[in-house]
Protein backbone atom coordinates (compact mmCIF):
# COMPACT_ATOMS: atom_id res chain seq x y z
CA UNK A 1 -0.14 -0.04 0.21
CA UNK A 2 1.22 3.47 -0.63
CA UNK A 3 1.83 6.15 1.88
CA UNK A 4 1.03 9.93 1.49
CA UNK A 5 3.23 12.48 1.88
CA UNK A 6 1.25 15.41 3.18
CA UNK A 7 2.22 19.21 3.03
CA UNK A 8 0.02 21.79 4.82
CA UNK A 9 2.76 24.79 4.62
CA UNK A 10 5.66 25.68 2.38
CA UNK A 11 9.00 23.51 2.76
CA UNK A 12 7.22 20.34 4.18
CA UNK A 13 7.44 18.29 1.02
CA UNK A 14 9.62 19.02 -1.97
CA UNK A 15 9.48 17.00 -5.52
CA UNK A 16 12.33 16.98 -7.64
CA UNK A 17 13.50 15.51 -11.14
CA UNK A 18 15.91 15.65 -14.04
CA UNK A 19 15.03 16.19 -17.73
CA UNK A 20 16.78 16.64 -21.18
CA UNK A 21 17.54 19.49 -23.02
CA UNK A 22 18.76 19.29 -26.19
CA UNK A 23 22.31 20.33 -26.90
CA UNK A 24 24.12 21.24 -30.64
CA UNK A 25 25.68 17.60 -30.37
CA UNK A 26 23.29 14.96 -31.78
CA UNK A 27 22.77 12.40 -29.15
CA UNK A 28 23.99 14.50 -26.46
CA UNK A 29 22.03 16.59 -23.87
CA UNK A 30 22.22 18.83 -20.96
CA UNK A 31 20.53 17.93 -17.81
CA UNK A 32 18.39 20.06 -15.98
CA UNK A 33 17.75 19.28 -12.31
CA UNK A 34 15.00 20.98 -10.69
CA UNK A 35 13.48 20.99 -7.30
CA UNK A 36 9.62 22.08 -6.36
CA UNK A 37 8.01 22.90 -3.31
CA UNK A 38 4.62 20.85 -3.87
CA UNK A 39 2.71 23.20 -1.29
CA UNK A 40 3.54 26.23 -3.27
CA UNK A 41 4.89 25.20 -6.44
CA UNK A 42 7.51 27.42 -6.32
CA UNK A 43 10.71 26.37 -7.97
CA UNK A 44 13.23 26.47 -4.98
CA UNK A 45 16.37 25.03 -6.58
CA UNK A 46 17.74 24.26 -10.22
CA UNK A 47 20.87 23.67 -11.98
CA UNK A 48 21.86 22.97 -15.58
CA UNK A 49 24.84 20.39 -15.90
CA UNK A 50 26.09 18.50 -18.75
CA UNK A 51 26.13 15.16 -17.05
CA UNK A 52 23.55 13.21 -14.60
CA UNK A 53 25.15 12.59 -11.43
CA UNK A 54 24.30 11.79 -7.61
CA UNK A 55 26.90 14.28 -6.54
CA UNK A 56 25.60 17.17 -8.83
CA UNK A 57 21.91 16.06 -7.13
CA UNK A 58 23.37 16.28 -3.63
CA UNK A 59 24.97 19.63 -4.37
CA UNK A 60 21.57 20.96 -5.47
CA UNK A 61 19.93 19.41 -2.35
CA UNK A 62 22.33 20.94 -0.01
CA UNK A 63 22.24 24.52 -1.67
CA UNK A 64 18.56 24.49 -1.75
CA UNK A 65 18.07 23.46 1.97
CA UNK A 66 20.37 26.49 2.77
CA UNK A 67 18.56 28.98 0.51
CA UNK A 68 15.18 27.86 2.00
CA UNK A 69 16.53 27.62 5.86
CA UNK A 70 15.51 24.34 5.95
CA UNK A 71 15.59 22.62 9.57
CA UNK A 72 16.69 19.29 10.55
CA UNK A 73 13.95 16.91 10.39
CA UNK A 74 11.56 19.56 8.68
CA UNK A 75 11.51 18.34 5.12
CA UNK A 76 10.65 15.50 2.96
CA UNK A 77 12.19 15.28 -0.60
CA UNK A 78 10.38 13.00 -3.13
CA UNK A 79 11.50 11.67 -6.36
CA UNK A 80 11.31 8.99 -8.75
CA UNK A 81 13.67 5.92 -8.38
CA UNK A 82 16.50 6.85 -11.06
CA UNK A 83 20.08 6.58 -10.11
CA UNK A 84 21.05 10.07 -9.33
CA UNK A 85 18.00 10.00 -6.71
CA UNK A 86 18.95 7.24 -4.89
CA UNK A 87 22.79 7.35 -5.07
CA UNK A 88 24.76 6.69 -2.05
CA UNK A 89 25.99 10.28 -2.21
CA UNK A 90 22.57 11.91 -2.23
CA UNK A 91 21.06 9.74 0.28
CA UNK A 92 23.87 10.31 2.68
CA UNK A 93 23.52 13.86 2.02
CA UNK A 94 19.86 13.95 2.65
CA UNK A 95 20.53 11.89 5.67
CA UNK A 96 23.06 14.69 7.17
CA UNK A 97 20.58 17.69 6.53
CA UNK A 98 17.81 15.71 8.40
CA UNK A 99 15.86 15.13 5.35
CA UNK A 100 13.68 12.36 4.70
CA UNK A 101 14.00 10.82 1.21
CA UNK A 102 10.89 9.71 -0.59
CA UNK A 103 10.25 7.44 -3.81
CA UNK A 104 7.77 6.69 -6.03
CA UNK A 105 6.20 3.52 -6.27
CA UNK A 106 7.94 1.24 -8.63
CA UNK A 107 6.05 1.14 -12.05
CA UNK A 108 3.68 3.71 -10.97
CA UNK A 109 3.47 6.51 -13.65
CA UNK A 110 2.01 9.45 -11.84
CA UNK A 111 3.56 9.59 -8.04
CA UNK A 112 5.93 12.10 -9.19
CA UNK A 113 3.17 14.47 -11.22
CA UNK A 114 4.29 17.85 -9.79
CA UNK A 115 7.68 17.62 -11.25
CA UNK A 116 6.39 16.10 -14.39
CA UNK A 117 3.90 18.87 -14.78
CA UNK A 118 6.44 21.42 -14.20
CA UNK A 119 8.61 19.96 -16.91
CA UNK A 120 5.70 20.13 -19.02
CA UNK A 121 4.96 23.81 -18.67
CA UNK A 122 8.34 24.60 -19.20
CA UNK A 123 8.92 22.68 -22.36
CA UNK A 124 5.47 24.08 -23.75
CA UNK A 125 6.56 27.62 -23.22
CA UNK A 126 6.29 29.60 -26.52
CA UNK A 127 10.00 30.67 -26.47
CA UNK A 128 11.17 27.13 -25.53
CA UNK A 129 14.06 26.11 -28.23
CA UNK A 130 12.42 23.61 -30.57
CA UNK A 131 15.41 22.72 -32.09
CA UNK A 132 18.18 22.78 -29.45
CA UNK A 133 20.21 25.00 -27.21
CA UNK A 134 23.18 26.51 -28.68
CA UNK A 135 25.28 26.02 -25.47
CA UNK A 136 24.94 25.20 -21.94
CA UNK A 137 24.98 29.00 -20.91
CA UNK A 138 22.16 29.49 -22.98
CA UNK A 139 20.26 26.85 -21.68
CA UNK A 140 21.16 28.34 -18.20
CA UNK A 141 20.06 31.58 -18.76
CA UNK A 142 16.69 30.25 -20.68
CA UNK A 143 16.09 28.15 -17.58
CA UNK A 144 16.58 31.17 -15.23
CA UNK A 145 14.33 33.28 -17.10
CA UNK A 146 11.79 30.52 -16.81
CA UNK A 147 12.01 30.41 -13.29
CA UNK A 148 11.65 33.77 -12.75
CA UNK A 149 8.63 33.78 -14.78
CA UNK A 150 7.06 30.61 -13.04
CA UNK A 151 7.67 31.91 -9.47
CA UNK A 152 6.88 35.44 -10.00
CA UNK A 153 4.41 35.86 -13.18
CA UNK A 154 2.86 32.50 -13.54
CA UNK A 155 -0.79 32.44 -12.15
CA UNK A 156 -1.00 28.57 -11.17
CA UNK A 157 -4.44 26.85 -11.54
CA UNK A 158 -3.72 24.39 -9.12
CA UNK A 159 -3.34 27.00 -6.42
CA UNK A 160 -6.27 28.98 -7.50
CA UNK A 161 -4.41 31.27 -9.91
CA UNK A 162 -2.07 33.14 -7.52
CA UNK A 163 1.74 33.11 -7.93
CA UNK A 164 3.94 30.24 -6.40
CA UNK A 165 5.80 32.96 -4.50
CA UNK A 166 2.99 34.49 -2.99
CA UNK A 167 1.31 31.06 -1.76
CA UNK A 168 5.07 30.55 -0.68
CA UNK A 169 5.20 33.49 1.57
CA UNK A 170 1.39 33.50 2.35
CA UNK A 171 0.60 36.61 0.65
CA UNK A 172 -2.08 34.51 -1.37
CA UNK A 173 -4.32 34.56 1.83
CA UNK A 174 -5.25 38.00 1.53
CA UNK A 175 -5.36 38.09 -2.35
CA UNK A 176 -8.15 35.05 -2.15
CA UNK A 177 -9.95 36.89 0.46
CA UNK A 178 -10.04 39.97 -1.77
CA UNK A 179 -11.14 37.93 -4.78
CA UNK A 180 -13.94 36.11 -2.71
CA UNK A 181 -15.09 39.55 -1.61
CA UNK A 182 -14.92 40.92 -5.24
CA UNK A 183 -17.45 38.26 -6.51
CA UNK A 184 -19.71 38.51 -3.56
CA UNK A 185 -20.20 42.20 -4.39
CA UNK A 186 -20.56 41.48 -7.89
CA UNK A 187 -23.41 38.78 -6.94
CA UNK A 188 -25.07 41.33 -4.78
CA UNK A 189 -25.44 43.79 -7.27
CA UNK A 190 -26.60 41.56 -10.32
CA UNK A 191 -27.96 38.51 -8.68
CA UNK A 192 -29.63 37.65 -11.97
CA UNK A 193 -26.39 36.53 -13.40
CA UNK A 194 -26.03 33.96 -10.77
CA UNK A 195 -29.40 32.85 -10.09
CA UNK A 196 -29.16 30.29 -7.45
CA UNK A 197 -25.46 29.30 -8.19
CA UNK A 198 -22.69 30.05 -5.80
CA UNK A 199 -19.91 32.30 -6.66
CA UNK A 200 -16.43 31.03 -7.48
CA UNK A 201 -14.86 29.04 -4.81
CA UNK A 202 -11.74 31.08 -3.94
CA UNK A 203 -10.78 29.05 -0.85
CA UNK A 204 -7.17 28.25 -0.18
CA UNK A 205 -6.13 24.63 -0.89
CA UNK A 206 -4.78 23.55 2.64
CA UNK A 207 -3.46 20.13 1.87
CA UNK A 208 -1.35 18.85 -0.91
CA UNK A 209 -0.65 15.08 -0.98
CA UNK A 210 2.09 13.10 -3.13
CA UNK A 211 1.89 8.97 -2.99
CA UNK A 212 5.11 7.14 -2.39
CA UNK A 213 6.27 3.81 -1.77
CA UNK A 214 6.26 2.76 1.82
CA UNK A 215 9.16 3.56 4.04
CA UNK A 216 12.21 1.68 4.18
CA UNK A 217 15.24 2.27 6.79
CA UNK A 218 18.08 4.47 5.60
CA UNK A 219 20.43 1.72 6.33
CA UNK A 220 18.56 -0.38 3.52
CA UNK A 221 18.55 2.47 1.03
CA UNK A 222 21.88 3.14 1.31
CA UNK A 223 22.82 -0.58 0.95
CA UNK A 224 20.85 -0.56 -2.02
CA UNK A 225 22.30 2.27 -3.64
CA UNK A 226 26.11 1.33 -3.00
């Protein structure tokens, strides 16, 4: 049976994954590492490298945790079962940070849906290069612009069309309250437009969940990864 990783505020559960970005060399790729807070949908860490490795993943996790001031035993980091995710260096780093490693169930395609949806949004942006990135520097600059847009401009449908940064900081509470009041005032002025229907629901989502495979001991994970 799967277990649930539940977030009721920022920096409780993060999701991360790696995706390919096309390089100028046929058959070779750049690798985009990206970490998202599932509660707020804020991108809390990213990096583009020329290789896929547990050492690079561990360094990104370390830097992201420091930037967000993550306390010991505060955070769960959820991912699929790829090599960099379950590598011994990555697991040892998470253990030293007091971060719980969480993994998708084998052969279940949608347990890491938050990261998968993020990558889909990224690759369907109108300015995403359809052929290739000319260089790794161009790839990094493009991703930097994307993250700025995603966190600071994008009104995310999964969090009631507020910006991820607003939900991450709690500013969305006032935004949603004002939206609710505006709709109720509009209905009071023109009740015929609504009839018996309620106004749009602007209630704040208070619980975000990912499903994961059952817990195993850290020693078992480290032994499996060695």
